[in-house]
């Protein structure tokens, strides 16, 4: 095929890209080629990635699209990076009806890559729902031309950036961005660790939106790892007598910033692959997985079956505090054993964390607007939860009743007052 391919005036010519574009055009029929038009190769001004714009007929494109694109093509451990399809959503159902009626879609973003699943070389990064609608329309006999932006010869960094940009809209959560960044920059280690300890099921990925799933997110998994080591490091500088005479600051990893959290990045870099083999961390992870399971199951079987209560262990103040205390108690085996065990339910409560009591809790000096312990992600709530877990570790028979909660919160207040000294 004699195809005229040119780079636009702001693009740098690239022999490999031109060769791959030629390969694409020889294998996949485009409207432009059938009309004898020239093909223009564009280059993104920020990431320097190359792409062309073209129109593909539904019956040609649909069998070739891959909705499970990998951020790392050469790794079979790399999971899909896009958000899950919301096929029951009314907007998608309307989109599918429109596709059957002949609606033409535009700016579907794909990468031409046959290094894996070569039968589906068009890896979809933007427009998953439109691509699915085109496939469903074809099943009902409708095939129209649709506009595609096809990328070529992407690097790992360019692919990650494309995935992020393609999914940037108000309907996409930070959880998806976190998952993509983790897979690209760190690899599958965090996910595989979560599988091993039971925080994720085998071959299960982090959710792309925590509101749609009751399992650990990328942010929460990172937060767990960071706090375990922060607690362990802090304890190494304290004597046994000092352990209960200090208050602590569990850390919450950033989410959705487009940049890897600094604390998490530093720990991963400093510890390398040995991080994921740490026996103390693994023991803590397995124990926390048991707690989340027990909490969820006990609430499901109760009369107060509410999602917020089922996932109490996974809140942004409970999980960091629990993991921090697990690290803090590494040199105190008897207290660690208590902490790692699932608490007995308090009298009258169905669940080990007594979520209903925690949700109603207010200290005497809390403002009327305080929404209960363990509901917020603030440092104060994380500190409070750490003191409650520390208090519980002193007594294997302790339950999460009002008395224990009050003891932890009041202890924190006292320790803070002592830290600033007496005031007139």
Protein backbone atom coordinates (compact mmCIF):
# COMPACT_ATOMS: atom_id res chain seq x y z
CA UNK A 1 0.00 0.00 0.00
CA UNK A 2 1.39 3.37 -1.01
CA UNK A 3 0.55 5.53 1.99
CA UNK A 4 1.66 9.12 2.39
CA UNK A 5 2.69 9.62 6.02
CA UNK A 6 3.94 12.97 7.29
CA UNK A 7 4.87 14.35 10.70
CA UNK A 8 3.16 17.61 11.56
CA UNK A 9 5.39 20.69 11.75
CA UNK A 10 5.66 20.62 15.55
CA UNK A 11 6.61 16.92 15.71
CA UNK A 12 10.08 15.38 15.63
CA UNK A 13 10.42 12.72 12.94
CA UNK A 14 10.93 9.19 14.30
CA UNK A 15 11.76 6.22 12.08
CA UNK A 16 10.39 3.57 14.47
CA UNK A 17 7.12 5.43 14.91
CA UNK A 18 6.69 5.87 11.15
CA UNK A 19 7.40 2.15 10.64
CA UNK A 20 4.81 1.17 13.26
CA UNK A 21 2.21 3.53 11.81
CA UNK A 22 2.80 1.90 8.43
CA UNK A 23 2.29 -1.53 9.99
CA UNK A 24 -0.96 -0.37 11.60
CA UNK A 25 -2.31 1.08 8.35
CA UNK A 26 -1.47 -2.11 6.43
CA UNK A 27 -3.30 -4.28 8.97
CA UNK A 28 -6.28 -2.10 9.89
CA UNK A 29 -8.42 -0.32 7.35
CA UNK A 30 -9.09 3.36 8.00
CA UNK A 31 -11.47 5.76 6.28
CA UNK A 32 -8.57 8.09 5.47
CA UNK A 33 -6.65 5.45 3.54
CA UNK A 34 -9.74 4.31 1.65
CA UNK A 35 -10.27 7.93 0.59
CA UNK A 36 -6.63 8.39 -0.42
CA UNK A 37 -5.88 10.95 2.28
CA UNK A 38 -2.47 11.42 3.82
CA UNK A 39 -1.86 10.39 7.42
CA UNK A 40 -0.45 12.99 9.81
CA UNK A 41 1.57 11.93 12.83
CA UNK A 42 1.19 14.28 15.79
CA UNK A 43 3.34 14.51 18.92
CA UNK A 44 2.04 15.41 22.36
CA UNK A 45 3.69 18.59 23.63
CA UNK A 46 4.03 17.38 27.22
CA UNK A 47 4.79 13.64 27.10
CA UNK A 48 6.26 13.66 23.54
CA UNK A 49 4.16 10.61 22.62
CA UNK A 50 3.14 10.04 18.99
CA UNK A 51 -0.37 9.49 17.64
CA UNK A 52 -2.59 9.78 14.58
CA UNK A 53 -6.25 10.66 14.24
CA UNK A 54 -8.34 8.36 12.07
CA UNK A 55 -11.81 6.89 11.56
CA UNK A 56 -12.46 3.15 11.89
CA UNK A 57 -15.59 1.25 10.94
CA UNK A 58 -17.30 -0.40 13.89
CA UNK A 59 -17.13 -3.89 12.38
CA UNK A 60 -13.38 -3.45 11.81
CA UNK A 61 -12.52 -1.86 15.16
CA UNK A 62 -14.75 -3.77 17.60
CA UNK A 63 -13.10 -7.20 17.23
CA UNK A 64 -9.67 -5.61 17.65
CA UNK A 65 -10.21 -3.53 20.80
CA UNK A 66 -8.89 -4.64 24.17
CA UNK A 67 -10.62 -3.18 27.24
CA UNK A 68 -8.09 -4.79 29.61
CA UNK A 69 -5.03 -2.77 28.68
CA UNK A 70 -1.85 -3.30 30.71
CA UNK A 71 0.35 -0.50 31.98
CA UNK A 72 3.32 -2.87 31.77
CA UNK A 73 2.80 -4.98 28.60
CA UNK A 74 5.67 -7.37 29.25
CA UNK A 75 4.42 -8.32 32.72
CA UNK A 76 1.72 -10.95 33.04
CA UNK A 77 1.28 -9.70 36.63
CA UNK A 78 0.15 -6.30 35.38
CA UNK A 79 -3.58 -5.86 35.97
CA UNK A 80 -5.99 -3.77 33.97
CA UNK A 81 -5.43 -0.08 34.58
CA UNK A 82 -8.81 1.30 33.55
CA UNK A 83 -11.91 1.71 35.66
CA UNK A 84 -14.52 -1.01 35.67
CA UNK A 85 -17.32 -0.84 33.15
CA UNK A 86 -20.61 0.42 34.58
CA UNK A 87 -22.86 -1.51 32.22
CA UNK A 88 -25.94 -1.09 34.44
CA UNK A 89 -25.56 2.67 34.54
CA UNK A 90 -28.42 4.49 32.79
CA UNK A 91 -25.97 6.73 30.93
CA UNK A 92 -24.21 3.69 29.48
CA UNK A 93 -27.51 2.06 28.55
CA UNK A 94 -28.51 5.22 26.71
CA UNK A 95 -25.09 5.29 25.02
CA UNK A 96 -25.59 1.70 23.86
CA UNK A 97 -29.05 2.49 22.47
CA UNK A 98 -27.60 5.47 20.60
CA UNK A 99 -24.83 3.29 19.16
CA UNK A 100 -27.39 0.79 17.87
CA UNK A 101 -29.33 3.69 16.33
CA UNK A 102 -26.23 4.85 14.46
CA UNK A 103 -24.54 7.31 16.80
CA UNK A 104 -20.92 8.00 15.83
CA UNK A 105 -18.43 8.44 18.66
CA UNK A 106 -15.21 10.44 18.59
CA UNK A 107 -11.81 10.69 20.30
CA UNK A 108 -11.64 7.11 21.49
CA UNK A 109 -8.05 6.80 22.74
CA UNK A 110 -6.20 3.58 21.98
CA UNK A 111 -2.64 2.32 21.81
CA UNK A 112 -1.60 0.11 18.91
CA UNK A 113 0.29 -2.68 20.69
CA UNK A 114 0.42 -6.34 19.68
CA UNK A 115 3.11 -7.42 22.17
CA UNK A 116 0.36 -9.11 24.22
CA UNK A 117 -3.09 -10.30 23.17
CA UNK A 118 -2.07 -9.71 19.54
CA UNK A 119 -5.57 -10.59 18.36
CA UNK A 120 -6.69 -7.34 20.06
CA UNK A 121 -3.98 -4.80 19.17
CA UNK A 122 -6.09 -1.72 19.94
CA UNK A 123 -5.60 -1.24 23.70
CA UNK A 124 -8.25 1.16 24.93
CA UNK A 125 -7.12 3.89 27.36
CA UNK A 126 -9.91 6.40 26.94
CA UNK A 127 -13.47 5.65 25.91
CA UNK A 128 -13.98 2.19 27.40
CA UNK A 129 -17.73 2.63 27.62
CA UNK A 130 -17.99 3.96 24.07
CA UNK A 131 -15.88 1.04 22.83
CA UNK A 132 -18.14 -1.42 24.63
CA UNK A 133 -21.21 0.29 23.16
CA UNK A 134 -19.70 -0.09 19.67
CA UNK A 135 -19.17 -3.81 20.33
CA UNK A 136 -22.76 -4.26 21.50
CA UNK A 137 -24.09 -2.29 18.53
CA UNK A 138 -22.18 -4.56 16.15
CA UNK A 139 -23.89 -7.58 17.73
CA UNK A 140 -27.18 -6.01 16.63
CA UNK A 141 -25.98 -5.27 13.12
CA UNK A 142 -24.97 -1.61 13.42
CA UNK A 143 -21.55 -0.55 12.15
CA UNK A 144 -20.64 3.13 11.76
CA UNK A 145 -17.39 5.06 11.45
CA UNK A 146 -15.97 6.30 14.76
CA UNK A 147 -13.13 8.67 15.51
CA UNK A 148 -9.99 7.27 17.12
CA UNK A 149 -6.75 8.69 18.44
CA UNK A 150 -4.19 5.91 18.01
CA UNK A 151 -0.86 6.06 19.91
CA UNK A 152 2.34 4.30 18.92
CA UNK A 153 5.62 3.16 20.54
CA UNK A 154 4.73 4.38 24.03
CA UNK A 155 7.21 4.21 26.89
CA UNK A 156 6.04 3.03 30.32
CA UNK A 157 5.92 6.63 31.54
CA UNK A 158 4.01 7.85 28.47
CA UNK A 159 1.52 4.99 28.82
CA UNK A 160 0.90 5.82 32.47
CA UNK A 161 0.41 9.50 31.71
CA UNK A 162 -1.96 8.65 28.84
CA UNK A 163 -4.01 6.40 31.14
CA UNK A 164 -4.26 9.15 33.74
CA UNK A 165 -5.15 11.92 31.31
CA UNK A 166 -7.63 9.75 29.42
CA UNK A 167 -9.52 9.01 32.62
CA UNK A 168 -9.44 12.51 34.06
CA UNK A 169 -13.02 13.64 34.52
CA UNK A 170 -15.28 14.35 37.47
CA UNK A 171 -16.64 10.80 37.46
CA UNK A 172 -13.27 9.13 38.00
CA UNK A 173 -11.99 8.61 41.53
CA UNK A 174 -8.57 9.14 43.02
CA UNK A 175 -8.48 5.40 43.69
CA UNK A 176 -8.09 4.68 39.98
CA UNK A 177 -5.25 7.18 39.67
CA UNK A 178 -3.52 5.63 42.69
CA UNK A 179 -3.85 2.15 41.22
CA UNK A 180 -2.40 3.20 37.87
CA UNK A 181 0.53 5.03 39.46
CA UNK A 182 1.32 2.10 41.75
CA UNK A 183 1.34 -0.38 38.88
CA UNK A 184 3.56 1.84 36.74
CA UNK A 185 6.13 3.09 39.25
CA UNK A 186 6.28 0.27 41.81
CA UNK A 187 4.82 -2.74 40.02
CA UNK A 188 2.52 -5.45 41.43
CA UNK A 189 4.32 -5.85 44.80
CA UNK A 190 1.76 -4.05 46.97
CA UNK A 191 -1.16 -5.84 45.35
CA UNK A 192 0.52 -9.24 45.68
CA UNK A 193 1.33 -8.54 49.33
CA UNK A 194 -2.35 -7.72 49.95
CA UNK A 195 -3.34 -10.99 48.26
CA UNK A 196 -0.87 -12.93 50.39
CA UNK A 197 -2.10 -11.55 53.71
CA UNK A 198 -5.78 -11.73 52.77
CA UNK A 199 -6.65 -8.07 52.28
CA UNK A 200 -7.41 -8.88 48.63
CA UNK A 201 -8.66 -12.15 47.21
CA UNK A 202 -6.44 -14.12 44.83
CA UNK A 203 -6.14 -12.32 41.47
CA UNK A 204 -8.23 -9.44 42.82
CA UNK A 205 -7.19 -5.86 42.07
CA UNK A 206 -7.51 -2.72 44.13
CA UNK A 207 -10.90 -1.07 43.50
CA UNK A 208 -11.10 1.87 41.10
CA UNK A 209 -13.58 3.55 43.45
CA UNK A 210 -13.85 2.66 47.13
CA UNK A 211 -17.52 3.68 47.13
CA UNK A 212 -18.21 0.68 44.85
CA UNK A 213 -16.25 -1.91 46.84
CA UNK A 214 -15.72 -2.90 50.46
CA UNK A 215 -12.05 -3.77 50.26
CA UNK A 216 -8.71 -2.12 50.78
CA UNK A 217 -7.74 0.61 48.30
CA UNK A 218 -4.27 1.44 47.02
CA UNK A 219 -4.15 4.43 49.37
CA UNK A 220 -5.12 2.33 52.39
CA UNK A 221 -2.62 -0.44 51.54
CA UNK A 222 0.18 2.09 51.22
CA UNK A 223 -0.94 3.73 54.46
CA UNK A 224 -0.81 0.38 56.27
CA UNK A 225 2.74 -0.34 55.12
CA UNK A 226 4.00 3.16 55.94
CA UNK A 227 2.49 3.23 59.43
CA UNK A 228 3.82 -0.18 60.38
CA UNK A 229 7.38 0.97 59.71
CA UNK A 230 6.86 4.42 61.21
CA UNK A 231 5.60 2.83 64.42
CA UNK A 232 8.45 0.32 64.45
CA UNK A 233 11.02 3.09 63.97
CA UNK A 234 9.49 5.23 66.73
CA UNK A 235 9.54 2.32 69.19
CA UNK A 236 13.23 1.73 68.52
CA UNK A 237 13.91 5.14 70.10
CA UNK A 238 11.76 4.55 73.20
CA UNK A 239 12.21 2.49 76.33
CA UNK A 240 9.43 0.18 77.50
CA UNK A 241 8.60 2.69 80.25
CA UNK A 242 8.22 5.51 77.73
CA UNK A 243 5.81 3.62 75.45
CA UNK A 244 2.63 4.77 77.21
CA UNK A 245 3.96 8.21 78.11
CA UNK A 246 3.92 9.49 74.53
CA UNK A 247 1.26 10.23 71.97
CA UNK A 248 1.68 9.24 68.34
CA UNK A 249 0.88 10.57 64.87
CA UNK A 250 -0.27 7.87 62.43
CA UNK A 251 0.27 8.91 58.83
CA UNK A 252 -2.24 9.02 55.97
CA UNK A 253 -0.80 8.59 52.47
CA UNK A 254 -1.82 11.11 49.84
CA UNK A 255 -4.30 10.02 47.20
CA UNK A 256 -4.89 11.10 43.63
CA UNK A 257 -2.18 13.76 43.49
CA UNK A 258 -0.54 12.24 40.42
CA UNK A 259 2.67 11.94 42.44
CA UNK A 260 3.67 8.97 44.58
CA UNK A 261 3.31 9.70 48.30
CA UNK A 262 6.69 10.82 49.70
CA UNK A 263 6.66 8.62 52.80
CA UNK A 264 5.62 5.52 50.88
CA UNK A 265 8.14 6.21 48.12
CA UNK A 266 10.96 6.64 50.66
CA UNK A 267 10.15 3.37 52.45
CA UNK A 268 9.88 1.40 49.20
CA UNK A 269 13.15 2.86 47.96
CA UNK A 270 15.10 2.33 51.18
CA UNK A 271 13.92 -1.24 51.83
CA UNK A 272 13.74 -2.52 48.27
CA UNK A 273 12.37 -6.01 47.63
CA UNK A 274 13.02 -6.99 51.25
CA UNK A 275 10.08 -4.79 52.23
CA UNK A 276 7.59 -7.33 50.91
CA UNK A 277 9.29 -10.17 52.81
CA UNK A 278 9.18 -8.53 56.25
CA UNK A 279 7.74 -11.15 58.64
CA UNK A 280 6.40 -8.60 61.12
CA UNK A 281 4.61 -6.68 58.41
CA UNK A 282 3.13 -9.88 56.99
CA UNK A 283 1.93 -11.04 60.41
CA UNK A 284 0.31 -7.65 60.99
CA UNK A 285 -1.31 -7.71 57.56
CA UNK A 286 -2.83 -11.15 58.15
CA UNK A 287 -4.13 -10.09 61.57
CA UNK A 288 -5.70 -6.94 60.17
CA UNK A 289 -7.31 -8.94 57.36
CA UNK A 290 -8.90 -11.13 60.03
CA UNK A 291 -10.18 -8.05 61.82
CA UNK A 292 -11.73 -6.57 58.67
CA UNK A 293 -13.37 -9.91 57.88
CA UNK A 294 -14.73 -10.36 61.41
CA UNK A 295 -16.03 -6.78 61.48
CA UNK A 296 -17.77 -7.11 58.12
CA UNK A 297 -19.32 -10.53 58.81
CA UNK A 298 -20.59 -9.62 62.29
CA UNK A 299 -22.32 -6.48 61.01
CA UNK A 300 -23.85 -8.30 58.04
CA UNK A 301 -25.44 -10.76 60.45
CA UNK A 302 -26.71 -8.03 62.79
CA UNK A 303 -29.75 -5.76 62.80
CA UNK A 304 -27.58 -2.70 62.11
CA UNK A 305 -26.23 -3.84 58.77
CA UNK A 306 -24.73 -0.60 57.45
CA UNK A 307 -21.80 -0.24 55.09
CA UNK A 308 -20.04 2.31 57.32
CA UNK A 309 -20.14 -0.17 60.18
CA UNK A 310 -19.08 -3.15 58.01
CA UNK A 311 -16.00 -1.26 56.78
CA UNK A 312 -15.12 0.40 60.08
CA UNK A 313 -11.64 -1.15 60.10
CA UNK A 314 -10.94 0.38 56.68
CA UNK A 315 -11.67 3.98 57.63
CA UNK A 316 -8.96 6.61 57.19
CA UNK A 317 -8.34 6.91 60.92
CA UNK A 318 -8.77 3.33 62.14
CA UNK A 319 -6.45 1.59 59.65
CA UNK A 320 -3.48 4.00 60.03
CA UNK A 321 -3.72 3.86 63.82
CA UNK A 322 -3.99 0.06 63.94
CA UNK A 323 -0.98 -0.39 61.63
CA UNK A 324 1.08 2.19 63.54
CA UNK A 325 0.43 0.44 66.85
CA UNK A 326 1.30 -2.92 65.24
CA UNK A 327 4.71 -1.49 64.38
CA UNK A 328 5.03 0.24 67.74
CA UNK A 329 4.52 -3.03 69.64
CA UNK A 330 7.07 -5.12 67.70
CA UNK A 331 9.39 -5.12 70.72
CA UNK A 332 6.58 -5.95 73.14
CA UNK A 333 5.43 -9.48 72.17
CA UNK A 334 2.76 -9.94 74.86
CA UNK A 335 1.03 -6.66 74.02
CA UNK A 336 1.52 -7.28 70.30
CA UNK A 337 -0.28 -10.62 70.61
CA UNK A 338 -3.27 -8.85 72.19
CA UNK A 339 -3.27 -6.15 69.52
CA UNK A 340 -3.13 -8.65 66.66
CA UNK A 341 -6.04 -10.67 68.01
CA UNK A 342 -9.62 -9.86 67.03
CA UNK A 343 -11.29 -8.18 70.04
CA UNK A 344 -14.27 -9.80 71.69
CA UNK A 345 -17.47 -7.85 71.06
CA UNK A 346 -18.46 -5.50 73.88
CA UNK A 347 -21.61 -6.30 75.83
CA UNK A 348 -24.64 -5.54 73.68
CA UNK A 349 -22.55 -4.98 70.53
CA UNK A 350 -22.47 -7.45 67.62
CA UNK A 351 -19.08 -6.42 66.22
CA UNK A 352 -15.49 -6.37 67.52
CA UNK A 353 -14.96 -2.63 66.89
CA UNK A 354 -18.34 -1.62 68.30
CA UNK A 355 -18.93 0.68 65.34
CA UNK A 356 -22.24 2.02 66.59
CA UNK A 357 -20.74 3.12 69.94
CA UNK A 358 -17.79 4.69 68.13
CA UNK A 359 -20.09 6.56 65.77
CA UNK A 360 -21.97 8.06 68.72
CA UNK A 361 -18.92 8.86 70.81
CA UNK A 362 -18.18 12.43 71.91
CA UNK A 363 -15.64 13.51 74.48
CA UNK A 364 -16.86 16.09 76.98
CA UNK A 365 -14.82 18.77 75.22
CA UNK A 366 -15.79 17.84 71.66
CA UNK A 367 -17.91 20.36 69.72
CA UNK A 368 -21.55 19.46 68.91
CA UNK A 369 -20.56 18.93 65.27
CA UNK A 370 -18.15 16.08 66.07
CA UNK A 371 -19.35 13.05 64.09
CA UNK A 372 -18.03 10.25 66.27
CA UNK A 373 -14.73 8.42 66.66
CA UNK A 374 -13.12 6.82 63.64
CA UNK A 375 -15.27 8.61 61.07
CA UNK A 376 -12.86 11.33 60.02
CA UNK A 377 -9.37 11.24 58.57
CA UNK A 378 -8.02 14.09 60.71
CA UNK A 379 -4.80 13.74 62.67
CA UNK A 380 -6.74 14.09 65.91
CA UNK A 381 -8.92 11.08 65.08
CA UNK A 382 -5.87 9.03 64.05
CA UNK A 383 -4.13 9.94 67.30
CA UNK A 384 -7.22 9.05 69.32
CA UNK A 385 -7.56 5.66 67.66
CA UNK A 386 -3.87 4.91 68.27
CA UNK A 387 -4.33 5.54 72.00
CA UNK A 388 -7.45 3.37 72.09
CA UNK A 389 -5.58 0.49 70.43
CA UNK A 390 -2.64 0.96 72.80
CA UNK A 391 -4.98 0.90 75.80
CA UNK A 392 -6.60 -2.28 74.54
CA UNK A 393 -3.20 -3.99 74.15
CA UNK A 394 -2.75 -3.82 77.94
CA UNK A 395 -5.61 -6.24 78.57
CA UNK A 396 -6.50 -9.27 76.47
CA UNK A 397 -10.05 -9.17 77.87
CA UNK A 398 -10.64 -5.52 76.99
CA UNK A 399 -13.47 -4.76 74.59
CA UNK A 400 -14.28 -1.66 72.58
CA UNK A 401 -16.79 -0.33 75.05
CA UNK A 402 -17.33 3.25 76.13
CA UNK A 403 -14.89 2.85 79.02
CA UNK A 404 -11.97 1.79 76.77
CA UNK A 405 -12.70 4.45 74.18
CA UNK A 406 -12.91 7.16 76.84
CA UNK A 407 -9.66 5.96 78.39
CA UNK A 408 -7.79 6.25 75.09
CA UNK A 409 -9.20 9.66 74.18
CA UNK A 410 -8.69 11.11 77.68
CA UNK A 411 -5.13 9.73 77.81
CA UNK A 412 -4.32 11.49 74.55
CA UNK A 413 -5.64 14.77 75.89
CA UNK A 414 -3.61 14.42 79.07
CA UNK A 415 -0.42 13.57 77.21
CA UNK A 416 -0.86 16.56 74.92
CA UNK A 417 -1.38 18.88 77.89
CA UNK A 418 1.77 17.53 79.55
CA UNK A 419 3.76 18.02 76.33
CA UNK A 420 3.11 21.79 76.33
CA UNK A 421 3.57 22.18 80.09
CA UNK A 422 1.50 24.14 82.54
CA UNK A 423 -0.13 27.36 81.42
CA UNK A 424 -1.31 30.24 83.56
